[in-house]
Each structure stands twice: as structure tokens, then as C-alpha cells.
């Protein structure tokens, strides 16, 4: 195994390139070509998260409005229970979407496969 630093403790300039070459030899393929796909995937995931957060904030505001219209604690509890159940369902669904997005992006692809 090659050392990543010189005897003076400073990093060797070729250490990063050596590490990338070893990853490519291990089956990761061209790391350089993957960077574009990673950036696109991170961008898509960021947009997905932003959209999800905006929808959740909208749900929060609507729930507050419903709570303010309640006439007793039973109604408040009903509104809160519906809110919590819907939030749990939406968070679970969103987690699934994000996992699927990341799995597709980082799954091994055959040469020429653009999907």
C-alpha cells in the first residue's frame, strides 16, 4: 500500500490520483464520467426535497387553520391525528422516492446505457 504523505507529513501530490486509479481497478469504472450523473442526481434529489418541504409547510398551515376553527378538544385531537397520520405516510413515501432515485443513479450500468 502506498503512503499518502511524504516523510515530512505533507500529502503526496499523486495520492488522490492513485486512490482514484485503485477505485477504477476495483470495478467502480470511470469516476470522472460518473460525476456528471452524480451532480444531476443530487440536483434532482434536492428539487424533490424542496418540493416535499413546501408541501409539508402547506399542510402545516392548513392544519393550523383547521385547529383554530375547532370548537372543542375532541375536534382538535381529530385534526391533529389526521395531520400526524398524513405526515407519517408522506414522509414514508418521500423516503422511498429518494431511495429509488439514489439507487437508480448509483446502480452499475452497461456501456451505452443512458437510462
Protein backbone atom coordinates (compact mmCIF):
# COMPACT_ATOMS: atom_id res chain seq x y z
CA UNK A 1 0.00 0.00 0.00
CA UNK A 2 1.40 3.39 -0.97
CA UNK A 3 1.68 6.11 1.61
CA UNK A 4 -0.48 9.19 1.21
CA UNK A 5 2.03 11.55 2.80
CA UNK A 6 5.71 12.31 2.40
CA UNK A 7 8.19 11.81 5.20
CA UNK A 8 7.68 15.48 6.14
CA UNK A 9 3.95 14.81 6.78
CA UNK A 10 2.71 16.72 3.73
CA UNK A 11 0.30 14.91 1.39
CA UNK A 12 1.81 13.42 -1.74
CA UNK A 13 0.51 15.20 -4.86
CA UNK A 14 -0.25 11.92 -6.63
CA UNK A 15 -2.10 10.29 -3.70
CA UNK A 16 -5.58 11.29 -4.92
CA UNK A 17 -4.92 10.05 -8.45
CA UNK A 18 -3.54 6.78 -7.10
CA UNK A 19 -6.68 6.33 -4.97
CA UNK A 20 -8.95 7.00 -7.97
CA UNK A 21 -7.00 4.55 -10.12
CA UNK A 22 -7.40 1.88 -7.44
CA UNK A 23 -11.16 2.50 -7.28
CA UNK A 24 -11.43 2.18 -11.06
CA UNK A 25 -9.50 -1.09 -10.95
CA UNK A 26 -11.83 -2.33 -8.20
CA UNK A 27 -14.80 -2.09 -10.54
CA UNK A 28 -16.04 1.44 -10.00
CA UNK A 29 -15.27 2.32 -13.63
CA UNK A 30 -14.56 5.85 -14.62
CA UNK A 31 -15.17 8.05 -11.60
CA UNK A 32 -14.78 11.12 -13.80
CA UNK A 33 -17.69 10.11 -16.04
CA UNK A 34 -19.88 9.39 -13.02
CA UNK A 35 -19.50 12.89 -11.63
CA UNK A 36 -22.00 14.33 -14.13
CA UNK A 37 -24.60 11.75 -13.22
CA UNK A 38 -23.99 12.30 -9.51
CA UNK A 39 -24.46 16.05 -9.89
CA UNK A 40 -27.67 15.53 -11.89
CA UNK A 41 -28.98 13.08 -9.31
CA UNK A 42 -28.12 15.36 -6.40
CA UNK A 43 -29.86 18.22 -8.21
CA UNK A 44 -32.97 16.09 -8.81
CA UNK A 45 -32.98 14.92 -5.21
CA UNK A 46 -32.59 18.50 -4.00
CA UNK A 47 -35.57 19.57 -6.10
CA UNK A 48 -37.59 16.64 -4.78
CA UNK A 49 -36.77 17.50 -1.17
CA UNK A 50 -37.59 21.18 -1.73
CA UNK A 51 -40.96 20.32 -3.29
CA UNK A 52 -41.71 17.92 -0.44
CA UNK A 53 -40.81 20.51 2.21
CA UNK A 54 -43.03 23.10 0.52
CA UNK A 55 -45.95 20.66 0.50
CA UNK A 56 -45.40 19.82 4.17
CA UNK A 57 -45.35 23.52 5.10
CA UNK A 58 -48.61 23.95 3.20
CA UNK A 59 -50.07 21.06 5.22
CA UNK A 60 -48.85 22.68 8.45
CA UNK A 61 -50.59 25.97 7.64
CA UNK A 62 -53.83 24.23 6.64
CA UNK A 63 -53.79 22.21 9.86
CA UNK A 64 -53.29 25.34 11.97
CA UNK A 65 -56.27 26.92 10.23
CA UNK A 66 -58.40 23.83 10.93
CA UNK A 67 -57.33 23.80 14.59
CA UNK A 68 -58.30 27.45 15.01
CA UNK A 69 -61.79 26.60 13.74
CA UNK A 70 -62.28 23.73 16.20
CA UNK A 71 -64.93 24.23 18.84
CA UNK A 72 -63.69 21.64 21.36
CA UNK A 73 -60.71 19.46 22.25
CA UNK A 74 -62.18 16.39 20.56
CA UNK A 75 -62.12 18.21 17.22
CA UNK A 76 -58.57 19.40 17.88
CA UNK A 77 -57.43 15.85 18.62
CA UNK A 78 -59.12 14.57 15.45
CA UNK A 79 -57.40 17.23 13.31
CA UNK A 80 -54.05 16.54 14.93
CA UNK A 81 -54.38 12.77 14.50
CA UNK A 82 -55.21 13.17 10.79
CA UNK A 83 -52.26 15.54 10.40
CA UNK A 84 -49.81 13.16 12.06
CA UNK A 85 -51.03 10.14 10.09
CA UNK A 86 -50.81 12.02 6.79
CA UNK A 87 -47.33 13.31 7.67
CA UNK A 88 -46.09 9.82 8.51
CA UNK A 89 -47.46 8.47 5.23
CA UNK A 90 -45.92 11.31 3.23
CA UNK A 91 -42.52 11.02 4.91
CA UNK A 92 -42.50 7.27 4.28
CA UNK A 93 -43.43 7.77 0.62
CA UNK A 94 -40.81 10.50 0.18
CA UNK A 95 -38.11 8.34 1.73
CA UNK A 96 -38.99 5.61 -0.76
CA UNK A 97 -38.75 8.07 -3.66
CA UNK A 98 -35.34 9.31 -2.55
CA UNK A 99 -34.02 5.78 -2.07
CA UNK A 100 -35.25 4.82 -5.53
CA UNK A 101 -33.67 7.91 -7.09
CA UNK A 102 -30.30 7.27 -5.46
CA UNK A 103 -30.40 3.54 -6.23
CA UNK A 104 -31.02 4.19 -9.93
CA UNK A 105 -28.27 6.78 -10.09
CA UNK A 106 -25.62 4.64 -8.48
CA UNK A 107 -26.56 1.25 -9.90
CA UNK A 108 -24.00 -0.26 -12.28
CA UNK A 109 -24.87 0.47 -15.89
CA UNK A 110 -23.92 -1.33 -19.04
CA UNK A 111 -21.88 0.57 -21.61
CA UNK A 112 -24.08 2.77 -23.76
CA UNK A 113 -26.99 2.59 -21.30
CA UNK A 114 -28.20 6.15 -20.72
CA UNK A 115 -31.21 5.32 -18.52
